[in-house]
Amino acid sequence: FENFDSKNLTIVDVILTPDLKNAKIFVTTNSETEN
């Protein structure tokens, strides 16, 4: 990442559609200002 450290990234949850074609990936970081 140009401006971020990917080690501070946490994958919280992955929600898939019933047909498994789309996935929503919910992430959180240590930096609250640049989310």
Full PDB file with SEQRES, HELIX, SHEET, SSBOND, CRYST1, ORIGX, SCALE, CONECT and MASTER records, all heavy atoms in Angstrom:
SEQRES   1 A   35  PHE GLU ASN PHE ASP SER LYS ASN LEU THR ILE VAL ASP          
SEQRES   2 A   35  VAL ILE LEU THR PRO ASP LEU LYS ASN ALA LYS ILE PHE          
SEQRES   3 A   35  VAL THR THR ASN SER GLU THR GLU ASN                          
HELIX    1 AA1 SER A    6  ASN A    8  5                                   3    
SHEET    1 AA1 2 LEU A   9  LEU A  16  0                                        
SHEET    2 AA1 2 ALA A  23  THR A  29 -1                                        
CRYST1    1.000    1.000    1.000  90.00  90.00  90.00 P 1           1          
ORIGX1      1.000000  0.000000  0.000000        0.00000                         
ORIGX2      0.000000  1.000000  0.000000        0.00000                         
ORIGX3      0.000000  0.000000  1.000000        0.00000                         
SCALE1      1.000000  0.000000  0.000000        0.00000                         
SCALE2      0.000000  1.000000  0.000000        0.00000                         
SCALE3      0.000000  0.000000  1.000000        0.00000                         
ATOM      1  N   PHE A   1       0.866  -1.160   0.000  1.00  0.00           N  
ATOM      2  CA  PHE A   1       0.000   0.000   0.000  1.00  0.00           C  
ATOM      3  C   PHE A   1       0.906   1.213   0.000  1.00  0.00           C  
ATOM      4  O   PHE A   1       1.942   1.222   0.659  1.00  0.00           O  
ATOM      5  CB  PHE A   1      -0.889   0.039   1.251  1.00  0.00           C  
ATOM      6  CG  PHE A   1      -1.975  -0.993   1.262  1.00  0.00           C  
ATOM      7  CD1 PHE A   1      -1.914  -2.050   2.141  1.00  0.00           C  
ATOM      8  CD2 PHE A   1      -3.041  -0.899   0.404  1.00  0.00           C  
ATOM      9  CE1 PHE A   1      -2.917  -3.002   2.162  1.00  0.00           C  
ATOM     10  CE2 PHE A   1      -4.044  -1.838   0.418  1.00  0.00           C  
ATOM     11  CZ  PHE A   1      -3.977  -2.891   1.292  1.00  0.00           C  
ATOM     12  N   GLU A   2       0.500   2.225  -0.714  1.00  0.00           N  
ATOM     13  CA  GLU A   2       1.331   3.421  -0.786  1.00  0.00           C  
ATOM     14  C   GLU A   2       1.452   4.122   0.562  1.00  0.00           C  
ATOM     15  O   GLU A   2       2.509   4.598   0.933  1.00  0.00           O  
ATOM     16  CB  GLU A   2       0.773   4.407  -1.825  1.00  0.00           C  
ATOM     17  CG  GLU A   2       1.016   4.003  -3.263  1.00  0.00           C  
ATOM     18  CD  GLU A   2       0.074   2.916  -3.757  1.00  0.00           C  
ATOM     19  OE1 GLU A   2      -1.033   2.783  -3.192  1.00  0.00           O  
ATOM     20  OE2 GLU A   2       0.460   2.180  -4.670  1.00  0.00           O  
ATOM     21  N   ASN A   3       0.372   4.185   1.310  1.00  0.00           N  
ATOM     22  CA  ASN A   3       0.359   4.977   2.545  1.00  0.00           C  
ATOM     23  C   ASN A   3       0.060   4.171   3.803  1.00  0.00           C  
ATOM     24  O   ASN A   3      -0.067   4.744   4.873  1.00  0.00           O  
ATOM     25  CB  ASN A   3      -0.683   6.092   2.427  1.00  0.00           C  
ATOM     26  CG  ASN A   3      -0.424   6.992   1.241  1.00  0.00           C  
ATOM     27  OD1 ASN A   3       0.713   7.341   0.969  1.00  0.00           O  
ATOM     28  ND2 ASN A   3      -1.470   7.343   0.523  1.00  0.00           N  
ATOM     29  N   PHE A   4      -0.074   2.846   3.690  1.00  0.00           N  
ATOM     30  CA  PHE A   4      -0.533   2.054   4.822  1.00  0.00           C  
ATOM     31  C   PHE A   4       0.338   0.822   5.020  1.00  0.00           C  
ATOM     32  O   PHE A   4       0.991   0.362   4.102  1.00  0.00           O  
ATOM     33  CB  PHE A   4      -1.979   1.597   4.617  1.00  0.00           C  
ATOM     34  CG  PHE A   4      -2.920   2.705   4.316  1.00  0.00           C  
ATOM     35  CD1 PHE A   4      -3.393   2.903   3.039  1.00  0.00           C  
ATOM     36  CD2 PHE A   4      -3.338   3.562   5.318  1.00  0.00           C  
ATOM     37  CE1 PHE A   4      -4.258   3.928   2.753  1.00  0.00           C  
ATOM     38  CE2 PHE A   4      -4.213   4.594   5.037  1.00  0.00           C  
ATOM     39  CZ  PHE A   4      -4.665   4.768   3.754  1.00  0.00           C  
ATOM     40  N   ASP A   5       0.280   0.292   6.220  1.00  0.00           N  
ATOM     41  CA  ASP A   5       0.939  -0.968   6.536  1.00  0.00           C  
ATOM     42  C   ASP A   5      -0.138  -2.045   6.593  1.00  0.00           C  
ATOM     43  O   ASP A   5      -1.050  -1.974   7.411  1.00  0.00           O  
ATOM     44  CB  ASP A   5       1.666  -0.855   7.870  1.00  0.00           C  
ATOM     45  CG  ASP A   5       2.405  -2.122   8.236  1.00  0.00           C  
ATOM     46  OD1 ASP A   5       2.613  -2.976   7.345  1.00  0.00           O  
ATOM     47  OD2 ASP A   5       2.783  -2.264   9.407  1.00  0.00           O  
ATOM     48  N   SER A   6      -0.029  -3.050   5.727  1.00  0.00           N  
ATOM     49  CA  SER A   6      -1.061  -4.082   5.674  1.00  0.00           C  
ATOM     50  C   SER A   6      -1.028  -4.992   6.893  1.00  0.00           C  
ATOM     51  O   SER A   6      -1.947  -5.763   7.109  1.00  0.00           O  
ATOM     52  CB  SER A   6      -0.926  -4.919   4.404  1.00  0.00           C  
ATOM     53  OG  SER A   6       0.308  -5.603   4.403  1.00  0.00           O  
ATOM     54  N   LYS A   7       0.004  -4.906   7.709  1.00  0.00           N  
ATOM     55  CA  LYS A   7       0.068  -5.707   8.940  1.00  0.00           C  
ATOM     56  C   LYS A   7      -0.925  -5.197   9.984  1.00  0.00           C  
ATOM     57  O   LYS A   7      -1.264  -5.910  10.913  1.00  0.00           O  
ATOM     58  CB  LYS A   7       1.482  -5.681   9.526  1.00  0.00           C  
ATOM     59  CG  LYS A   7       2.583  -6.080   8.572  1.00  0.00           C  
ATOM     60  CD  LYS A   7       2.534  -7.534   8.228  1.00  0.00           C  
ATOM     61  CE  LYS A   7       3.750  -7.970   7.457  1.00  0.00           C  
ATOM     62  NZ  LYS A   7       3.605  -8.065   6.060  1.00  0.00           N  
ATOM     63  N   ASN A   8      -1.399  -3.964   9.857  1.00  0.00           N  
ATOM     64  CA  ASN A   8      -2.376  -3.404  10.789  1.00  0.00           C  
ATOM     65  C   ASN A   8      -3.813  -3.685  10.368  1.00  0.00           C  
ATOM     66  O   ASN A   8      -4.736  -3.167  10.965  1.00  0.00           O  
ATOM     67  CB  ASN A   8      -2.180  -1.898  10.927  1.00  0.00           C  
ATOM     68  CG  ASN A   8      -0.875  -1.562  11.588  1.00  0.00           C  
ATOM     69  OD1 ASN A   8      -0.373  -2.323  12.390  1.00  0.00           O  
ATOM     70  ND2 ASN A   8      -0.315  -0.423  11.240  1.00  0.00           N  
ATOM     71  N   LEU A   9      -3.997  -4.492   9.367  1.00  0.00           N  
ATOM     72  CA  LEU A   9      -5.313  -4.803   8.830  1.00  0.00           C  
ATOM     73  C   LEU A   9      -5.850  -6.073   9.478  1.00  0.00           C  
ATOM     74  O   LEU A   9      -5.121  -7.054   9.614  1.00  0.00           O  
ATOM     75  CB  LEU A   9      -5.208  -4.991   7.320  1.00  0.00           C  
ATOM     76  CG  LEU A   9      -6.453  -5.365   6.564  1.00  0.00           C  
ATOM     77  CD1 LEU A   9      -7.410  -4.199   6.547  1.00  0.00           C  
ATOM     78  CD2 LEU A   9      -6.094  -5.759   5.156  1.00  0.00           C  
ATOM     79  N   THR A  10      -7.108  -6.049   9.893  1.00  0.00           N  
ATOM     80  CA  THR A  10      -7.758  -7.223  10.465  1.00  0.00           C  
ATOM     81  C   THR A  10      -9.000  -7.540   9.648  1.00  0.00           C  
ATOM     82  O   THR A  10      -9.858  -6.673   9.455  1.00  0.00           O  
ATOM     83  CB  THR A  10      -8.161  -6.986  11.931  1.00  0.00           C  
ATOM     84  OG1 THR A  10      -6.994  -6.625  12.665  1.00  0.00           O  
ATOM     85  CG2 THR A  10      -8.784  -8.221  12.533  1.00  0.00           C  
ATOM     86  N   ILE A  11      -9.087  -8.761   9.162  1.00  0.00           N  
ATOM     87  CA  ILE A  11     -10.282  -9.218   8.457  1.00  0.00           C  
ATOM     88  C   ILE A  11     -11.262  -9.693   9.522  1.00  0.00           C  
ATOM     89  O   ILE A  11     -11.026 -10.691  10.194  1.00  0.00           O  
ATOM     90  CB  ILE A  11      -9.959 -10.376   7.486  1.00  0.00           C  
ATOM     91  CG1 ILE A  11      -8.783 -10.046   6.577  1.00  0.00           C  
ATOM     92  CG2 ILE A  11     -11.203 -10.761   6.693  1.00  0.00           C  
ATOM     93  CD1 ILE A  11      -9.019  -8.978   5.579  1.00  0.00           C  
ATOM     94  N   VAL A  12     -12.370  -8.984   9.674  1.00  0.00           N  
ATOM     95  CA  VAL A  12     -13.323  -9.290  10.735  1.00  0.00           C  
ATOM     96  C   VAL A  12     -14.311 -10.357  10.283  1.00  0.00           C  
ATOM     97  O   VAL A  12     -14.557 -11.331  11.002  1.00  0.00           O  
ATOM     98  CB  VAL A  12     -14.072  -8.013  11.185  1.00  0.00           C  
ATOM     99  CG1 VAL A  12     -15.105  -8.336  12.239  1.00  0.00           C  
ATOM    100  CG2 VAL A  12     -13.087  -6.979  11.693  1.00  0.00           C  
ATOM    101  N   ASP A  13     -14.861 -10.215   9.098  1.00  0.00           N  
ATOM    102  CA  ASP A  13     -15.887 -11.150   8.644  1.00  0.00           C  
ATOM    103  C   ASP A  13     -15.957 -11.143   7.128  1.00  0.00           C  
ATOM    104  O   ASP A  13     -15.598 -10.156   6.480  1.00  0.00           O  
ATOM    105  CB  ASP A  13     -17.245 -10.761   9.233  1.00  0.00           C  
ATOM    106  CG  ASP A  13     -18.272 -11.874   9.156  1.00  0.00           C  
ATOM    107  OD1 ASP A  13     -17.886 -13.035   8.885  1.00  0.00           O  
ATOM    108  OD2 ASP A  13     -19.453 -11.599   9.399  1.00  0.00           O  
ATOM    109  N   VAL A  14     -16.429 -12.245   6.577  1.00  0.00           N  
ATOM    110  CA  VAL A  14     -16.691 -12.363   5.145  1.00  0.00           C  
ATOM    111  C   VAL A  14     -18.119 -12.875   4.994  1.00  0.00           C  
ATOM    112  O   VAL A  14     -18.461 -13.919   5.550  1.00  0.00           O  
ATOM    113  CB  VAL A  14     -15.702 -13.326   4.451  1.00  0.00           C  
ATOM    114  CG1 VAL A  14     -16.050 -13.491   2.981  1.00  0.00           C  
ATOM    115  CG2 VAL A  14     -14.276 -12.846   4.607  1.00  0.00           C  
ATOM    116  N   ILE A  15     -18.931 -12.124   4.257  1.00  0.00           N  
ATOM    117  CA  ILE A  15     -20.320 -12.518   4.029  1.00  0.00           C  
ATOM    118  C   ILE A  15     -20.497 -12.762   2.543  1.00  0.00           C  
ATOM    119  O   ILE A  15     -20.218 -11.890   1.714  1.00  0.00           O  
ATOM    120  CB  ILE A  15     -21.292 -11.431   4.518  1.00  0.00           C  
ATOM    121  CG1 ILE A  15     -21.129 -11.238   6.023  1.00  0.00           C  
ATOM    122  CG2 ILE A  15     -22.735 -11.804   4.167  1.00  0.00           C  
ATOM    123  CD1 ILE A  15     -21.962 -10.148   6.607  1.00  0.00           C  
ATOM    124  N   LEU A  16     -20.970 -13.960   2.206  1.00  0.00           N  
ATOM    125  CA  LEU A  16     -21.176 -14.346   0.818  1.00  0.00           C  
ATOM    126  C   LEU A  16     -22.654 -14.348   0.467  1.00  0.00           C  
ATOM    127  O   LEU A  16     -23.507 -14.620   1.316  1.00  0.00           O  
ATOM    128  CB  LEU A  16     -20.619 -15.758   0.578  1.00  0.00           C  
ATOM    129  CG  LEU A  16     -19.110 -15.849   0.504  1.00  0.00           C  
ATOM    130  CD1 LEU A  16     -18.645 -17.232   0.849  1.00  0.00           C  
ATOM    131  CD2 LEU A  16     -18.653 -15.470  -0.879  1.00  0.00           C  
ATOM    132  N   THR A  17     -22.934 -14.057  -0.796  1.00  0.00           N  
ATOM    133  CA  THR A  17     -24.301 -14.190  -1.286  1.00  0.00           C  
ATOM    134  C   THR A  17     -24.627 -15.676  -1.408  1.00  0.00           C  
ATOM    135  O   THR A  17     -23.714 -16.506  -1.480  1.00  0.00           O  
ATOM    136  CB  THR A  17     -24.460 -13.494  -2.649  1.00  0.00           C  
ATOM    137  OG1 THR A  17     -23.512 -14.043  -3.568  1.00  0.00           O  
ATOM    138  CG2 THR A  17     -24.261 -11.997  -2.537  1.00  0.00           C  
ATOM    139  N   PRO A  18     -25.904 -16.053  -1.429  1.00  0.00           N  
ATOM    140  CA  PRO A  18     -26.258 -17.474  -1.509  1.00  0.00           C  
ATOM    141  C   PRO A  18     -25.707 -18.194  -2.742  1.00  0.00           C  
ATOM    142  O   PRO A  18     -25.445 -19.394  -2.683  1.00  0.00           O  
ATOM    143  CB  PRO A  18     -27.790 -17.461  -1.531  1.00  0.00           C  
ATOM    144  CG  PRO A  18     -28.153 -16.213  -0.822  1.00  0.00           C  
ATOM    145  CD  PRO A  18     -27.086 -15.214  -1.180  1.00  0.00           C  
ATOM    146  N   ASP A  19     -25.505 -17.476  -3.845  1.00  0.00           N  
ATOM    147  CA  ASP A  19     -24.949 -18.123  -5.031  1.00  0.00           C  
ATOM    148  C   ASP A  19     -23.419 -18.139  -5.051  1.00  0.00           C  
ATOM    149  O   ASP A  19     -22.813 -18.617  -6.000  1.00  0.00           O  
ATOM    150  CB  ASP A  19     -25.484 -17.465  -6.300  1.00  0.00           C  
ATOM    151  CG  ASP A  19     -25.105 -16.000  -6.417  1.00  0.00           C  
ATOM    152  OD1 ASP A  19     -24.468 -15.462  -5.489  1.00  0.00           O  
ATOM    153  OD2 ASP A  19     -25.456 -15.392  -7.444  1.00  0.00           O  
ATOM    154  N   LEU A  20     -22.786 -17.631  -4.000  1.00  0.00           N  
ATOM    155  CA  LEU A  20     -21.329 -17.595  -3.825  1.00  0.00           C  
ATOM    156  C   LEU A  20     -20.610 -16.793  -4.906  1.00  0.00           C  
ATOM    157  O   LEU A  20     -19.430 -17.007  -5.169  1.00  0.00           O  
ATOM    158  CB  LEU A  20     -20.742 -19.015  -3.761  1.00  0.00           C  
ATOM    159  CG  LEU A  20     -21.309 -19.959  -2.706  1.00  0.00           C  
ATOM    160  CD1 LEU A  20     -20.675 -21.330  -2.824  1.00  0.00           C  
ATOM    161  CD2 LEU A  20     -21.126 -19.408  -1.327  1.00  0.00           C  
ATOM    162  N   LYS A  21     -21.293 -15.848  -5.520  1.00  0.00           N  
ATOM    163  CA  LYS A  21     -20.687 -15.041  -6.588  1.00  0.00           C  
ATOM    164  C   LYS A  21     -20.118 -13.724  -6.077  1.00  0.00           C  
ATOM    165  O   LYS A  21     -19.262 -13.143  -6.730  1.00  0.00           O  
ATOM    166  CB  LYS A  21     -21.720 -14.737  -7.681  1.00  0.00           C  
ATOM    167  CG  LYS A  21     -22.292 -15.943  -8.356  1.00  0.00           C  
ATOM    168  CD  LYS A  21     -21.439 -16.387  -9.489  1.00  0.00           C  
ATOM    169  CE  LYS A  21     -22.126 -17.563 -10.170  1.00  0.00           C  
ATOM    170  NZ  LYS A  21     -21.571 -17.887 -11.423  1.00  0.00           N  
ATOM    171  N   ASN A  22     -20.602 -13.221  -4.941  1.00  0.00           N  
ATOM    172  CA  ASN A  22     -20.147 -11.946  -4.393  1.00  0.00           C  
ATOM    173  C   ASN A  22     -19.817 -12.121  -2.919  1.00  0.00           C  
ATOM    174  O   ASN A  22     -20.513 -12.838  -2.201  1.00  0.00           O  
ATOM    175  CB  ASN A  22     -21.229 -10.867  -4.542  1.00  0.00           C  
ATOM    176  CG  ASN A  22     -21.539 -10.586  -5.995  1.00  0.00           C  
ATOM    177  OD1 ASN A  22     -20.654 -10.269  -6.770  1.00  0.00           O  
ATOM    178  ND2 ASN A  22     -22.804 -10.716  -6.351  1.00  0.00           N  
ATOM    179  N   ALA A  23     -18.749 -11.436  -2.503  1.00  0.00           N  
ATOM    180  CA  ALA A  23     -18.337 -11.505  -1.103  1.00  0.00           C  
ATOM    181  C   ALA A  23     -18.102 -10.098  -0.576  1.00  0.00           C  
ATOM    182  O   ALA A  23     -17.464  -9.280  -1.238  1.00  0.00           O  
ATOM    183  CB  ALA A  23     -17.073 -12.335  -0.961  1.00  0.00           C  
ATOM    184  N   LYS A  24     -18.649  -9.834   0.599  1.00  0.00           N  
ATOM    185  CA  LYS A  24     -18.381  -8.591   1.315  1.00  0.00           C  
ATOM    186  C   LYS A  24     -17.359  -8.926   2.390  1.00  0.00           C  
ATOM    187  O   LYS A  24     -17.603  -9.792   3.235  1.00  0.00           O  
ATOM    188  CB  LYS A  24     -19.639  -8.042   1.989  1.00  0.00           C  
ATOM    189  CG  LYS A  24     -20.683  -7.551   1.045  1.00  0.00           C  
ATOM    190  CD  LYS A  24     -21.855  -7.011   1.849  1.00  0.00           C  
ATOM    191  CE  LYS A  24     -22.948  -6.504   0.954  1.00  0.00           C  
ATOM    192  NZ  LYS A  24     -24.092  -5.992   1.733  1.00  0.00           N  
ATOM    193  N   ILE A  25     -16.218  -8.239   2.351  1.00  0.00           N  
ATOM    194  CA  ILE A  25     -15.169  -8.474   3.329  1.00  0.00           C  
ATOM    195  C   ILE A  25     -15.113  -7.266   4.252  1.00  0.00           C  
ATOM    196  O   ILE A  25     -14.862  -6.147   3.804  1.00  0.00           O  
ATOM    197  CB  ILE A  25     -13.813  -8.717   2.648  1.00  0.00           C  
ATOM    198  CG1 ILE A  25     -13.901  -9.925   1.713  1.00  0.00           C  
ATOM    199  CG2 ILE A  25     -12.720  -8.909   3.689  1.00  0.00           C  
ATOM    200  CD1 ILE A  25     -12.647 -10.203   0.939  1.00  0.00           C  
ATOM    201  N   PHE A  26     -15.358  -7.505   5.532  1.00  0.00           N  
ATOM    202  CA  PHE A  26     -15.355  -6.434   6.520  1.00  0.00           C  
ATOM    203  C   PHE A  26     -13.994  -6.402   7.200  1.00  0.00           C  
ATOM    204  O   PHE A  26     -13.526  -7.423   7.710  1.00  0.00           O  
ATOM    205  CB  PHE A  26     -16.466  -6.651   7.548  1.00  0.00           C  
ATOM    206  CG  PHE A  26     -17.835  -6.479   6.961  1.00  0.00           C  
ATOM    207  CD1 PHE A  26     -18.532  -7.561   6.443  1.00  0.00           C  
ATOM    208  CD2 PHE A  26     -18.415  -5.228   6.918  1.00  0.00           C  
ATOM    209  CE1 PHE A  26     -19.786  -7.393   5.896  1.00  0.00           C  
ATOM    210  CE2 PHE A  26     -19.680  -5.053   6.373  1.00  0.00           C  
ATOM    211  CZ  PHE A  26     -20.355  -6.132   5.848  1.00  0.00           C  
ATOM    212  N   VAL A  27     -13.360  -5.233   7.169  1.00  0.00           N  
ATOM    213  CA  VAL A  27     -12.023  -5.072   7.729  1.00  0.00           C  
ATOM    214  C   VAL A  27     -12.003  -3.937   8.743  1.00  0.00           C  
ATOM    215  O   VAL A  27     -12.865  -3.061   8.726  1.00  0.00           O  
ATOM    216  CB  VAL A  27     -10.971  -4.800   6.630  1.00  0.00           C  
ATOM    217  CG1 VAL A  27     -10.885  -5.951   5.658  1.00  0.00           C  
ATOM    218  CG2 VAL A  27     -11.270  -3.523   5.886  1.00  0.00           C  
ATOM    219  N   THR A  28     -11.015  -3.986   9.603  1.00  0.00           N  
ATOM    220  CA  THR A  28     -10.773  -2.899  10.528  1.00  0.00           C  
ATOM    221  C   THR A  28      -9.270  -2.664  10.601  1.00  0.00           C  
ATOM    222  O   THR A  28      -8.488  -3.571  10.313  1.00  0.00           O  
ATOM    223  CB  THR A  28     -11.358  -3.189  11.928  1.00  0.00           C  
ATOM    224  OG1 THR A  28     -11.235  -2.037  12.733  1.00  0.00           O  
ATOM    225  CG2 THR A  28     -10.693  -4.350  12.590  1.00  0.00           C  
ATOM    226  N   THR A  29      -8.898  -1.456  10.953  1.00  0.00           N  
ATOM    227  CA  THR A  29      -7.487  -1.097  11.039  1.00  0.00           C  
ATOM    228  C   THR A  29      -7.218  -0.404  12.362  1.00  0.00           C  
ATOM    229  O   THR A  29      -8.143  -0.058  13.091  1.00  0.00           O  
ATOM    230  CB  THR A  29      -7.087  -0.135   9.899  1.00  0.00           C  
ATOM    231  OG1 THR A  29      -7.834   1.064  10.031  1.00  0.00           O  
ATOM    232  CG2 THR A  29      -7.330  -0.749   8.541  1.00  0.00           C  
ATOM    233  N   ASN A  30      -5.956  -0.185  12.628  1.00  0.00           N  
ATOM    234  CA  ASN A  30      -5.579   0.558  13.839  1.00  0.00           C  
ATOM    235  C   ASN A  30      -5.781   2.054  13.651  1.00  0.00           C  
ATOM    236  O   ASN A  30      -5.932   2.789  14.604  1.00  0.00           O  
ATOM    237  CB  ASN A  30      -4.117   0.284  14.199  1.00  0.00           C  
ATOM    238  CG  ASN A  30      -3.917  -1.131  14.658  1.00  0.00           C  
ATOM    239  OD1 ASN A  30      -4.860  -1.832  14.969  1.00  0.00           O  
ATOM    240  ND2 ASN A  30      -2.677  -1.569  14.693  1.00  0.00           N  
ATOM    241  N   SER A  31      -5.757   2.509  12.423  1.00  0.00           N  
ATOM    242  CA  SER A  31      -5.885   3.930  12.133  1.00  0.00           C  
ATOM    243  C   SER A  31      -7.342   4.293  11.920  1.00  0.00           C  
ATOM    244  O   SER A  31      -7.955   3.855  10.946  1.00  0.00           O  
ATOM    245  CB  SER A  31      -5.076   4.274  10.881  1.00  0.00           C  
ATOM    246  OG  SER A  31      -5.353   5.580  10.469  1.00  0.00           O  
ATOM    247  N   GLU A  32      -7.901   5.084  12.810  1.00  0.00           N  
ATOM    248  CA  GLU A  32      -9.305   5.479  12.678  1.00  0.00           C  
ATOM    249  C   GLU A  32      -9.481   6.655  11.731  1.00  0.00           C  
ATOM    250  O   GLU A  32     -10.559   6.880  11.216  1.00  0.00           O  
ATOM    251  CB  GLU A  32      -9.875   5.842  14.045  1.00  0.00           C  
ATOM    252  CG  GLU A  32      -9.971   4.674  14.982  1.00  0.00           C  
ATOM    253  CD  GLU A  32     -10.554   5.045  16.327  1.00  0.00           C  
ATOM    254  OE1 GLU A  32     -11.135   6.142  16.432  1.00  0.00           O  
ATOM    255  OE2 GLU A  32     -10.438   4.240  17.255  1.00  0.00           O  
ATOM    256  N   THR A  33      -8.412   7.407  11.491  1.00  0.00           N  
ATOM    257  CA  THR A  33      -8.539   8.629  10.706  1.00  0.00           C  
ATOM    258  C   THR A  33      -8.553   8.386   9.206  1.00  0.00           C  
ATOM    259  O   THR A  33      -9.138   9.157   8.469  1.00  0.00           O  
ATOM    260  CB  THR A  33      -7.396   9.599  11.043  1.00  0.00           C  
ATOM    261  OG1 THR A  33      -6.139   8.945  10.781  1.00  0.00           O  
ATOM    262  CG2 THR A  33      -7.461  10.010  12.501  1.00  0.00           C  
ATOM    263  N   GLU A  34      -7.940   7.299   8.746  1.00  0.00           N  
ATOM    264  CA  GLU A  34      -7.789   7.098   7.304  1.00  0.00           C  
ATOM    265  C   GLU A  34      -8.561   5.891   6.787  1.00  0.00           C  
ATOM    266  O   GLU A  34      -8.190   5.310   5.768  1.00  0.00           O  
ATOM    267  CB  GLU A  34      -6.306   6.949   6.984  1.00  0.00           C  
ATOM    268  CG  GLU A  34      -5.497   8.170   7.375  1.00  0.00           C  
ATOM    269  CD  GLU A  34      -4.010   7.939   7.211  1.00  0.00           C  
ATOM    270  OE1 GLU A  34      -3.569   6.785   7.390  1.00  0.00           O  
ATOM    271  OE2 GLU A  34      -3.306   8.898   6.915  1.00  0.00           O  
ATOM    272  N   ASN A  35      -9.623   5.502   7.466  1.00  0.00           N  
ATOM    273  CA  ASN A  35     -10.355   4.301   7.078  1.00  0.00           C  
ATOM    274  C   ASN A  35     -10.964   4.401   5.689  1.00  0.00           C  
ATOM    275  O   ASN A  35     -10.928   3.446   4.916  1.00  0.00           O  
ATOM    276  CB  ASN A  35     -11.447   3.999   8.098  1.00  0.00           C  
ATOM    277  CG  ASN A  35     -10.876   3.482   9.388  1.00  0.00           C  
ATOM    278  OD1 ASN A  35      -9.851   2.825   9.401  1.00  0.00           O  
ATOM    279  ND2 ASN A  35     -11.527   3.796  10.483  1.00  0.00           N  
TER     280      ASN A  35                                                      
MASTER        0    0    0    1    2    0    0    6  279    1    0    3          
END                                                                             
